[in-house]
């Protein structure tokens, strides 16, 4: 679960390929991902939205709904009431999981 202003494909590539463990943290934590098919779910957000708040709210919502994998690499969510944008992101992830 991320909250980047980069294009989702760019950010995903960096997470999986960058040698800096702070940037390529998926590569660092889960090297086996190089051999797995991944699906990226992205929701566009207006420029003035607090991306971190949306991300943390969506992680909290997905956790409450039992939709986080045991292997998830989300940071522990901050204490914050989920926003409408967090709900939209959580709904998009849930919809993708149903497919």
PDB file of N, CA and C in Angstrom:
ATOM      1  N   UNK A   1       0.865  -1.157   0.000  1.00  0.00           N
ATOM      2  CA  UNK A   1       0.000   0.000   0.000  1.00  0.00           C
ATOM      3  C   UNK A   1       0.910   1.218   0.000  1.00  0.00           C
ATOM      4  N   UNK A   2       0.735   2.059  -0.982  1.00  0.00           N
ATOM      5  CA  UNK A   2       1.588   3.228  -1.094  1.00  0.00           C
ATOM      6  C   UNK A   2       0.791   4.510  -1.244  1.00  0.00           C
ATOM      7  N   UNK A   3       1.516   5.583  -1.265  1.00  0.00           N
ATOM      8  CA  UNK A   3       0.889   6.897  -1.410  1.00  0.00           C
ATOM      9  C   UNK A   3       1.854   7.810  -2.157  1.00  0.00           C
ATOM     10  N   UNK A   4       2.205   7.425  -3.339  1.00  0.00           N
ATOM     11  CA  UNK A   4       3.218   8.150  -4.095  1.00  0.00           C
ATOM     12  C   UNK A   4       2.608   9.100  -5.107  1.00  0.00           C
ATOM     13  N   UNK A   5       3.353  10.117  -5.431  1.00  0.00           N
ATOM     14  CA  UNK A   5       2.947  11.012  -6.508  1.00  0.00           C
ATOM     15  C   UNK A   5       3.519  10.536  -7.839  1.00  0.00           C
ATOM     16  N   UNK A   6       4.367   9.502  -7.798  1.00  0.00           N
ATOM     17  CA  UNK A   6       4.919   8.924  -9.028  1.00  0.00           C
ATOM     18  C   UNK A   6       3.852   8.101  -9.738  1.00  0.00           C
ATOM     19  N   UNK A   7       4.065   7.866 -11.025  1.00  0.00           N
ATOM     20  CA  UNK A   7       3.183   6.960 -11.758  1.00  0.00           C
ATOM     21  C   UNK A   7       3.274   5.582 -11.092  1.00  0.00           C
ATOM     22  N   UNK A   8       2.158   4.872 -10.923  1.00  0.00           N
ATOM     23  CA  UNK A   8       2.183   3.579 -10.233  1.00  0.00           C
ATOM     24  C   UNK A   8       3.171   2.572 -10.834  1.00  0.00           C
ATOM     25  N   UNK A   9       3.306   2.550 -12.156  1.00  0.00           N
ATOM     26  CA  UNK A   9       4.248   1.608 -12.764  1.00  0.00           C
ATOM     27  C   UNK A   9       5.683   1.952 -12.387  1.00  0.00           C
ATOM     28  N   UNK A  10       5.991   3.231 -12.338  1.00  0.00           N
ATOM     29  CA  UNK A  10       7.336   3.672 -11.951  1.00  0.00           C
ATOM     30  C   UNK A  10       7.616   3.301 -10.504  1.00  0.00           C
ATOM     31  N   UNK A  11       6.676   3.604  -9.622  1.00  0.00           N
ATOM     32  CA  UNK A  11       6.882   3.317  -8.207  1.00  0.00           C
ATOM     33  C   UNK A  11       7.011   1.826  -7.964  1.00  0.00           C
ATOM     34  N   UNK A  12       6.188   1.030  -8.640  1.00  0.00           N
ATOM     35  CA  UNK A  12       6.255  -0.425  -8.484  1.00  0.00           C
ATOM     36  C   UNK A  12       7.612  -0.941  -8.943  1.00  0.00           C
ATOM     37  N   UNK A  13       8.073  -0.440 -10.092  1.00  0.00           N
ATOM     38  CA  UNK A  13       9.380  -0.869 -10.596  1.00  0.00           C
ATOM     39  C   UNK A  13      10.465  -0.547  -9.581  1.00  0.00           C
ATOM     40  N   UNK A  14      10.437   0.646  -9.025  1.00  0.00           N
ATOM     41  CA  UNK A  14      11.444   1.029  -8.035  1.00  0.00           C
ATOM     42  C   UNK A  14      11.384   0.122  -6.806  1.00  0.00           C
ATOM     43  N   UNK A  15      10.196  -0.177  -6.332  1.00  0.00           N
ATOM     44  CA  UNK A  15      10.058  -1.062  -5.165  1.00  0.00           C
ATOM     45  C   UNK A  15      10.654  -2.441  -5.439  1.00  0.00           C
ATOM     46  N   UNK A  16      10.556  -2.891  -6.676  1.00  0.00           N
ATOM     47  CA  UNK A  16      10.994  -4.250  -7.011  1.00  0.00           C
ATOM     48  C   UNK A  16      12.423  -4.341  -7.525  1.00  0.00           C
ATOM     49  N   UNK A  17      13.014  -3.217  -7.947  1.00  0.00           N
ATOM     50  CA  UNK A  17      14.324  -3.292  -8.599  1.00  0.00           C
ATOM     51  C   UNK A  17      15.418  -2.413  -8.013  1.00  0.00           C
ATOM     52  N   UNK A  18      15.071  -1.356  -7.325  1.00  0.00           N
ATOM     53  CA  UNK A  18      16.102  -0.448  -6.823  1.00  0.00           C
ATOM     54  C   UNK A  18      16.937  -1.138  -5.751  1.00  0.00           C
ATOM     55  N   UNK A  19      18.249  -0.977  -5.840  1.00  0.00           N
ATOM     56  CA  UNK A  19      19.146  -1.642  -4.892  1.00  0.00           C
ATOM     57  C   UNK A  19      19.173  -0.978  -3.523  1.00  0.00           C
ATOM     58  N   UNK A  20      18.720   0.260  -3.421  1.00  0.00           N
ATOM     59  CA  UNK A  20      18.643   0.934  -2.124  1.00  0.00           C
ATOM     60  C   UNK A  20      17.475   0.299  -1.359  1.00  0.00           C
ATOM     61  N   UNK A  21      17.717  -0.328  -0.207  1.00  0.00           N
ATOM     62  CA  UNK A  21      16.634  -1.013   0.509  1.00  0.00           C
ATOM     63  C   UNK A  21      15.522  -0.090   0.990  1.00  0.00           C
ATOM     64  N   UNK A  22      15.783   1.203   1.070  1.00  0.00           N
ATOM     65  CA  UNK A  22      14.718   2.140   1.445  1.00  0.00           C
ATOM     66  C   UNK A  22      13.793   2.431   0.277  1.00  0.00           C
ATOM     67  N   UNK A  23      14.303   2.288  -0.927  1.00  0.00           N
ATOM     68  CA  UNK A  23      13.490   2.508  -2.129  1.00  0.00           C
ATOM     69  C   UNK A  23      12.944   1.166  -2.625  1.00  0.00           C
ATOM     70  N   UNK A  24      13.809   0.182  -2.751  1.00  0.00           N
ATOM     71  CA  UNK A  24      13.422  -1.148  -3.225  1.00  0.00           C
ATOM     72  C   UNK A  24      13.016  -2.053  -2.083  1.00  0.00           C
ATOM     73  N   UNK A  25      12.130  -1.551  -1.224  1.00  0.00           N
ATOM     74  CA  UNK A  25      11.811  -2.325  -0.022  1.00  0.00           C
ATOM     75  C   UNK A  25      11.058  -3.612  -0.295  1.00  0.00           C
ATOM     76  N   UNK A  26      10.305  -3.692  -1.356  1.00  0.00           N
ATOM     77  CA  UNK A  26       9.660  -4.966  -1.696  1.00  0.00           C
ATOM     78  C   UNK A  26      10.736  -5.978  -2.094  1.00  0.00           C
ATOM     79  N   UNK A  27      11.701  -5.537  -2.859  1.00  0.00           N
ATOM     80  CA  UNK A  27      12.826  -6.393  -3.257  1.00  0.00           C
ATOM     81  C   UNK A  27      13.590  -6.859  -2.020  1.00  0.00           C
ATOM     82  N   UNK A  28      13.810  -5.954  -1.105  1.00  0.00           N
ATOM     83  CA  UNK A  28      14.565  -6.246   0.117  1.00  0.00           C
ATOM     84  C   UNK A  28      13.820  -7.237   1.009  1.00  0.00           C
ATOM     85  N   UNK A  29      12.537  -7.019   1.204  1.00  0.00           N
ATOM     86  CA  UNK A  29      11.763  -7.852   2.137  1.00  0.00           C
ATOM     87  C   UNK A  29      11.299  -9.162   1.524  1.00  0.00           C
ATOM     88  N   UNK A  30      11.010  -9.139   0.228  1.00  0.00           N
ATOM     89  CA  UNK A  30      10.434 -10.313  -0.430  1.00  0.00           C
ATOM     90  C   UNK A  30      11.116 -10.568  -1.775  1.00  0.00           C
ATOM     91  N   UNK A  31      12.341 -11.061  -1.786  1.00  0.00           N
ATOM     92  CA  UNK A  31      13.040 -11.260  -3.059  1.00  0.00           C
ATOM     93  C   UNK A  31      12.304 -12.221  -4.003  1.00  0.00           C
ATOM     94  N   UNK A  32      11.479 -13.096  -3.468  1.00  0.00           N
ATOM     95  CA  UNK A  32      10.743 -14.044  -4.315  1.00  0.00           C
ATOM     96  C   UNK A  32       9.708 -13.356  -5.205  1.00  0.00           C
ATOM     97  N   UNK A  33       9.398 -12.087  -4.923  1.00  0.00           N
ATOM     98  CA  UNK A  33       8.429 -11.363  -5.756  1.00  0.00           C
ATOM     99  C   UNK A  33       8.906 -11.215  -7.190  1.00  0.00           C
ATOM    100  N   UNK A  34      10.204 -11.306  -7.399  1.00  0.00           N
ATOM    101  CA  UNK A  34      10.742 -11.201  -8.762  1.00  0.00           C
ATOM    102  C   UNK A  34      10.178 -12.294  -9.658  1.00  0.00           C
ATOM    103  N   UNK A  35       9.722 -13.385  -9.058  1.00  0.00           N
ATOM    104  CA  UNK A  35       9.202 -14.518  -9.831  1.00  0.00           C
ATOM    105  C   UNK A  35       7.684 -14.632  -9.772  1.00  0.00           C
ATOM    106  N   UNK A  36       7.014 -13.641  -9.197  1.00  0.00           N
ATOM    107  CA  UNK A  36       5.561 -13.698  -9.062  1.00  0.00           C
ATOM    108  C   UNK A  36       4.888 -12.657  -9.951  1.00  0.00           C
ATOM    109  N   UNK A  37       3.666 -12.960 -10.354  1.00  0.00           N
ATOM    110  CA  UNK A  37       2.858 -11.977 -11.067  1.00  0.00           C
ATOM    111  C   UNK A  37       2.193 -11.086 -10.036  1.00  0.00           C
ATOM    112  N   UNK A  38       2.325  -9.789 -10.233  1.00  0.00           N
ATOM    113  CA  UNK A  38       1.751  -8.832  -9.293  1.00  0.00           C
ATOM    114  C   UNK A  38       0.674  -8.005  -9.972  1.00  0.00           C
ATOM    115  N   UNK A  39      -0.323  -7.619  -9.206  1.00  0.00           N
ATOM    116  CA  UNK A  39      -1.350  -6.706  -9.692  1.00  0.00           C
ATOM    117  C   UNK A  39      -1.247  -5.427  -8.887  1.00  0.00           C
ATOM    118  N   UNK A  40      -1.223  -4.328  -9.582  1.00  0.00           N
ATOM    119  CA  UNK A  40      -1.140  -3.021  -8.929  1.00  0.00           C
ATOM    120  C   UNK A  40      -2.502  -2.348  -9.052  1.00  0.00           C
ATOM    121  N   UNK A  41      -3.016  -1.881  -7.941  1.00  0.00           N
ATOM    122  CA  UNK A  41      -4.279  -1.147  -7.916  1.00  0.00           C
ATOM    123  C   UNK A  41      -3.929   0.295  -7.572  1.00  0.00           C
ATOM    124  N   UNK A  42      -4.306   1.216  -8.431  1.00  0.00           N
ATOM    125  CA  UNK A  42      -3.989   2.624  -8.214  1.00  0.00           C
ATOM    126  C   UNK A  42      -5.271   3.449  -8.274  1.00  0.00           C
ATOM    127  N   UNK A  43      -5.350   4.417  -7.402  1.00  0.00           N
ATOM    128  CA  UNK A  43      -6.479   5.340  -7.376  1.00  0.00           C
ATOM    129  C   UNK A  43      -5.902   6.749  -7.459  1.00  0.00           C
ATOM    130  N   UNK A  44      -6.290   7.513  -8.482  1.00  0.00           N
ATOM    131  CA  UNK A  44      -5.774   8.890  -8.568  1.00  0.00           C
ATOM    132  C   UNK A  44      -6.349   9.757  -7.455  1.00  0.00           C
ATOM    133  N   UNK A  45      -5.509  10.630  -6.932  1.00  0.00           N
ATOM    134  CA  UNK A  45      -5.930  11.540  -5.874  1.00  0.00           C
ATOM    135  C   UNK A  45      -5.643  12.972  -6.293  1.00  0.00           C
ATOM    136  N   UNK A  46      -6.482  13.899  -5.884  1.00  0.00           N
ATOM    137  CA  UNK A  46      -6.197  15.308  -6.163  1.00  0.00           C
ATOM    138  C   UNK A  46      -4.881  15.715  -5.495  1.00  0.00           C
ATOM    139  N   UNK A  47      -4.221  16.699  -6.047  1.00  0.00           N
ATOM    140  CA  UNK A  47      -2.932  17.141  -5.537  1.00  0.00           C
ATOM    141  C   UNK A  47      -2.945  17.653  -4.111  1.00  0.00           C
ATOM    142  N   UNK A  48      -4.093  18.136  -3.641  1.00  0.00           N
ATOM    143  CA  UNK A  48      -4.149  18.715  -2.304  1.00  0.00           C
ATOM    144  C   UNK A  48      -4.515  17.712  -1.209  1.00  0.00           C
ATOM    145  N   UNK A  49      -4.660  16.445  -1.563  1.00  0.00           N
ATOM    146  CA  UNK A  49      -5.035  15.416  -0.590  1.00  0.00           C
ATOM    147  C   UNK A  49      -3.787  14.917   0.136  1.00  0.00           C
ATOM    148  N   UNK A  50      -3.899  14.687   1.430  1.00  0.00           N
ATOM    149  CA  UNK A  50      -2.808  14.137   2.234  1.00  0.00           C
ATOM    150  C   UNK A  50      -2.686  12.644   1.915  1.00  0.00           C
ATOM    151  N   UNK A  51      -1.739  12.310   1.049  1.00  0.00           N
ATOM    152  CA  UNK A  51      -1.576  10.943   0.568  1.00  0.00           C
ATOM    153  C   UNK A  51      -1.286   9.953   1.702  1.00  0.00           C
ATOM    154  N   UNK A  52      -0.492  10.370   2.657  1.00  0.00           N
ATOM    155  CA  UNK A  52      -0.172   9.483   3.773  1.00  0.00           C
ATOM    156  C   UNK A  52      -1.421   9.168   4.610  1.00  0.00           C
ATOM    157  N   UNK A  53      -2.259  10.156   4.795  1.00  0.00           N
ATOM    158  CA  UNK A  53      -3.494   9.915   5.551  1.00  0.00           C
ATOM    159  C   UNK A  53      -4.400   8.939   4.794  1.00  0.00           C
ATOM    160  N   UNK A  54      -4.474   9.096   3.486  1.00  0.00           N
ATOM    161  CA  UNK A  54      -5.280   8.171   2.675  1.00  0.00           C
ATOM    162  C   UNK A  54      -4.713   6.763   2.785  1.00  0.00           C
ATOM    163  N   UNK A  55      -3.407   6.651   2.644  1.00  0.00           N
ATOM    164  CA  UNK A  55      -2.766   5.326   2.705  1.00  0.00           C
ATOM    165  C   UNK A  55      -3.024   4.670   4.057  1.00  0.00           C
ATOM    166  N   UNK A  56      -2.772   5.393   5.131  1.00  0.00           N
ATOM    167  CA  UNK A  56      -2.963   4.808   6.461  1.00  0.00           C
ATOM    168  C   UNK A  56      -4.427   4.475   6.718  1.00  0.00           C
ATOM    169  N   UNK A  57      -5.325   5.320   6.247  1.00  0.00           N
ATOM    170  CA  UNK A  57      -6.747   5.027   6.402  1.00  0.00           C
ATOM    171  C   UNK A  57      -7.162   3.791   5.631  1.00  0.00           C
ATOM    172  N   UNK A  58      -6.637   3.631   4.418  1.00  0.00           N
ATOM    173  CA  UNK A  58      -6.976   2.454   3.610  1.00  0.00           C
ATOM    174  C   UNK A  58      -6.415   1.183   4.238  1.00  0.00           C
ATOM    175  N   UNK A  59      -5.197   1.247   4.772  1.00  0.00           N
ATOM    176  CA  UNK A  59      -4.619   0.076   5.449  1.00  0.00           C
ATOM    177  C   UNK A  59      -5.494  -0.311   6.637  1.00  0.00           C
ATOM    178  N   UNK A  60      -5.928   0.667   7.416  1.00  0.00           N
ATOM    179  CA  UNK A  60      -6.796   0.383   8.568  1.00  0.00           C
ATOM    180  C   UNK A  60      -8.103  -0.265   8.110  1.00  0.00           C
ATOM    181  N   UNK A  61      -8.710   0.279   7.066  1.00  0.00           N
ATOM    182  CA  UNK A  61      -9.976  -0.276   6.565  1.00  0.00           C
ATOM    183  C   UNK A  61      -9.792  -1.702   6.049  1.00  0.00           C
ATOM    184  N   UNK A  62      -8.734  -1.932   5.286  1.00  0.00           N
ATOM    185  CA  UNK A  62      -8.484  -3.274   4.764  1.00  0.00           C
ATOM    186  C   UNK A  62      -8.210  -4.260   5.889  1.00  0.00           C
ATOM    187  N   UNK A  63      -7.498  -3.820   6.912  1.00  0.00           N
ATOM    188  CA  UNK A  63      -7.252  -4.681   8.068  1.00  0.00           C
ATOM    189  C   UNK A  63      -8.546  -5.036   8.786  1.00  0.00           C
ATOM    190  N   UNK A  64      -9.405  -4.038   8.990  1.00  0.00           N
ATOM    191  CA  UNK A  64     -10.695  -4.272   9.643  1.00  0.00           C
ATOM    192  C   UNK A  64     -11.542  -5.264   8.863  1.00  0.00           C
ATOM    193  N   UNK A  65     -11.391  -5.255   7.554  1.00  0.00           N
ATOM    194  CA  UNK A  65     -12.208  -6.114   6.677  1.00  0.00           C
ATOM    195  C   UNK A  65     -11.541  -7.455   6.386  1.00  0.00           C
ATOM    196  N   UNK A  66     -10.408  -7.707   7.012  1.00  0.00           N
ATOM    197  CA  UNK A  66      -9.715  -8.981   6.816  1.00  0.00           C
ATOM    198  C   UNK A  66      -9.133  -9.144   5.427  1.00  0.00           C
ATOM    199  N   UNK A  67      -8.777  -8.046   4.779  1.00  0.00           N
ATOM    200  CA  UNK A  67      -8.298  -8.103   3.402  1.00  0.00           C
ATOM    201  C   UNK A  67      -6.793  -7.869   3.263  1.00  0.00           C
ATOM    202  N   UNK A  68      -6.061  -7.832   4.367  1.00  0.00           N
ATOM    203  CA  UNK A  68      -4.610  -7.700   4.284  1.00  0.00           C
ATOM    204  C   UNK A  68      -3.976  -9.089   4.360  1.00  0.00           C
ATOM    205  N   UNK A  69      -3.070  -9.344   3.482  1.00  0.00           N
ATOM    206  CA  UNK A  69      -2.336 -10.605   3.493  1.00  0.00           C
ATOM    207  C   UNK A  69      -1.435 -10.662   4.723  1.00  0.00           C
ATOM    208  N   UNK A  70      -1.120 -11.851   5.158  1.00  0.00           N
ATOM    209  CA  UNK A  70      -0.141 -12.015   6.226  1.00  0.00           C
ATOM    210  C   UNK A  70       1.229 -11.512   5.774  1.00  0.00           C
ATOM    211  N   UNK A  71       1.417 -11.423   4.469  1.00  0.00           N
ATOM    212  CA  UNK A  71       2.684 -10.978   3.904  1.00  0.00           C
ATOM    213  C   UNK A  71       2.675  -9.489   3.553  1.00  0.00           C
ATOM    214  N   UNK A  72       1.664  -8.760   3.938  1.00  0.00           N
ATOM    215  CA  UNK A  72       1.609  -7.352   3.552  1.00  0.00           C
ATOM    216  C   UNK A  72       2.805  -6.601   4.119  1.00  0.00           C
ATOM    217  N   UNK A  73       3.194  -5.553   3.421  1.00  0.00           N
ATOM    218  CA  UNK A  73       4.347  -4.760   3.842  1.00  0.00           C
ATOM    219  C   UNK A  73       3.929  -3.327   4.178  1.00  0.00           C
ATOM    220  N   UNK A  74       2.705  -3.166   4.569  1.00  0.00           N
ATOM    221  CA  UNK A  74       2.202  -1.846   4.948  1.00  0.00           C
ATOM    222  C   UNK A  74       2.767  -1.464   6.305  1.00  0.00           C
ATOM    223  N   UNK A  75       3.144  -0.211   6.426  1.00  0.00           N
ATOM    224  CA  UNK A  75       3.557   0.280   7.732  1.00  0.00           C
ATOM    225  C   UNK A  75       2.343   0.270   8.639  1.00  0.00           C
ATOM    226  N   UNK A  76       2.551   0.148   9.951  1.00  0.00           N
ATOM    227  CA  UNK A  76       1.392   0.210  10.850  1.00  0.00           C
ATOM    228  C   UNK A  76       0.647   1.523  10.626  1.00  0.00           C
ATOM    229  N   UNK A  77      -0.664   1.453  10.487  1.00  0.00           N
ATOM    230  CA  UNK A  77      -1.413   2.683  10.192  1.00  0.00           C
ATOM    231  C   UNK A  77      -1.361   3.680  11.337  1.00  0.00           C
ATOM    232  N   UNK A  78      -1.345   4.936  10.974  1.00  0.00           N
ATOM    233  CA  UNK A  78      -1.418   6.011  11.953  1.00  0.00           C
ATOM    234  C   UNK A  78      -2.839   6.098  12.488  1.00  0.00           C
ATOM    235  N   UNK A  79      -2.979   6.637  13.658  1.00  0.00           N
ATOM    236  CA  UNK A  79      -4.302   6.865  14.221  1.00  0.00           C
ATOM    237  C   UNK A  79      -4.948   8.016  13.458  1.00  0.00           C
ATOM    238  N   UNK A  80      -5.876   7.712  12.621  1.00  0.00           N
ATOM    239  CA  UNK A  80      -6.571   8.747  11.856  1.00  0.00           C
ATOM    240  C   UNK A  80      -7.872   8.163  11.333  1.00  0.00           C
ATOM    241  N   UNK A  81      -8.907   8.951  11.391  1.00  0.00           N
ATOM    242  CA  UNK A  81     -10.187   8.514  10.840  1.00  0.00           C
ATOM    243  C   UNK A  81     -10.039   8.412   9.328  1.00  0.00           C
ATOM    244  N   UNK A  82     -10.424   7.258   8.740  1.00  0.00           N
ATOM    245  CA  UNK A  82     -10.311   7.115   7.284  1.00  0.00           C
ATOM    246  C   UNK A  82     -11.121   8.181   6.543  1.00  0.00           C
ATOM    247  N   UNK A  83     -10.549   8.674   5.488  1.00  0.00           N
ATOM    248  CA  UNK A  83     -11.181   9.689   4.649  1.00  0.00           C
ATOM    249  C   UNK A  83     -11.998   9.022   3.541  1.00  0.00           C
ATOM    250  N   UNK A  84     -12.747   9.821   2.822  1.00  0.00           N
ATOM    251  CA  UNK A  84     -13.494   9.305   1.669  1.00  0.00           C
ATOM    252  C   UNK A  84     -12.536   8.709   0.642  1.00  0.00           C
ATOM    253  N   UNK A  85     -11.368   9.327   0.482  1.00  0.00           N
ATOM    254  CA  UNK A  85     -10.384   8.815  -0.467  1.00  0.00           C
ATOM    255  C   UNK A  85      -9.817   7.477   0.005  1.00  0.00           C
ATOM    256  N   UNK A  86      -9.635   7.318   1.314  1.00  0.00           N
ATOM    257  CA  UNK A  86      -9.167   6.039   1.857  1.00  0.00           C
ATOM    258  C   UNK A  86     -10.213   4.956   1.601  1.00  0.00           C
ATOM    259  N   UNK A  87     -11.473   5.310   1.778  1.00  0.00           N
ATOM    260  CA  UNK A  87     -12.559   4.363   1.501  1.00  0.00           C
ATOM    261  C   UNK A  87     -12.554   3.975   0.023  1.00  0.00           C
ATOM    262  N   UNK A  88     -12.326   4.941  -0.854  1.00  0.00           N
ATOM    263  CA  UNK A  88     -12.284   4.659  -2.288  1.00  0.00           C
ATOM    264  C   UNK A  88     -11.142   3.703  -2.616  1.00  0.00           C
ATOM    265  N   UNK A  89      -9.980   3.930  -2.027  1.00  0.00           N
ATOM    266  CA  UNK A  89      -8.834   3.055  -2.266  1.00  0.00           C
ATOM    267  C   UNK A  89      -9.089   1.663  -1.714  1.00  0.00           C
ATOM    268  N   UNK A  90      -9.606   1.566  -0.509  1.00  0.00           N
ATOM    269  CA  UNK A  90      -9.918   0.260   0.076  1.00  0.00           C
ATOM    270  C   UNK A  90     -10.948  -0.482  -0.773  1.00  0.00           C
ATOM    271  N   UNK A  91     -11.940   0.222  -1.272  1.00  0.00           N
ATOM    272  CA  UNK A  91     -12.957  -0.397  -2.126  1.00  0.00           C
ATOM    273  C   UNK A  91     -12.358  -0.884  -3.440  1.00  0.00           C
ATOM    274  N   UNK A  92     -11.421  -0.117  -3.997  1.00  0.00           N
ATOM    275  CA  UNK A  92     -10.771  -0.522  -5.247  1.00  0.00           C
ATOM    276  C   UNK A  92      -9.943  -1.784  -5.034  1.00  0.00           C
ATOM    277  N   UNK A  93      -9.239  -1.862  -3.910  1.00  0.00           N
ATOM    278  CA  UNK A  93      -8.454  -3.064  -3.602  1.00  0.00           C
ATOM    279  C   UNK A  93      -9.388  -4.247  -3.378  1.00  0.00           C
ATOM    280  N   UNK A  94     -10.458  -4.056  -2.637  1.00  0.00           N
ATOM    281  CA  UNK A  94     -11.411  -5.138  -2.378  1.00  0.00           C
ATOM    282  C   UNK A  94     -12.016  -5.641  -3.681  1.00  0.00           C
ATOM    283  N   UNK A  95     -12.371  -4.735  -4.568  1.00  0.00           N
ATOM    284  CA  UNK A  95     -12.939  -5.124  -5.865  1.00  0.00           C
ATOM    285  C   UNK A  95     -11.931  -5.949  -6.660  1.00  0.00           C
ATOM    286  N   UNK A  96     -10.688  -5.532  -6.655  1.00  0.00           N
ATOM    287  CA  UNK A  96      -9.641  -6.247  -7.391  1.00  0.00           C
ATOM    288  C   UNK A  96      -9.450  -7.655  -6.816  1.00  0.00           C
ATOM    289  N   UNK A  97      -9.555  -7.788  -5.499  1.00  0.00           N
ATOM    290  CA  UNK A  97      -9.395  -9.096  -4.865  1.00  0.00           C
ATOM    291  C   UNK A  97     -10.537 -10.049  -5.221  1.00  0.00           C
ATOM    292  N   UNK A  98     -11.703  -9.495  -5.498  1.00  0.00           N
ATOM    293  CA  UNK A  98     -12.856 -10.338  -5.861  1.00  0.00           C
ATOM    294  C   UNK A  98     -12.731 -10.922  -7.258  1.00  0.00           C
ATOM    295  N   UNK A  99     -11.876 -10.368  -8.079  1.00  0.00           N
ATOM    296  CA  UNK A  99     -11.746 -10.842  -9.468  1.00  0.00           C
ATOM    297  C   UNK A  99     -10.933 -12.099  -9.567  1.00  0.00           C
TER     298      UNK A  99
END
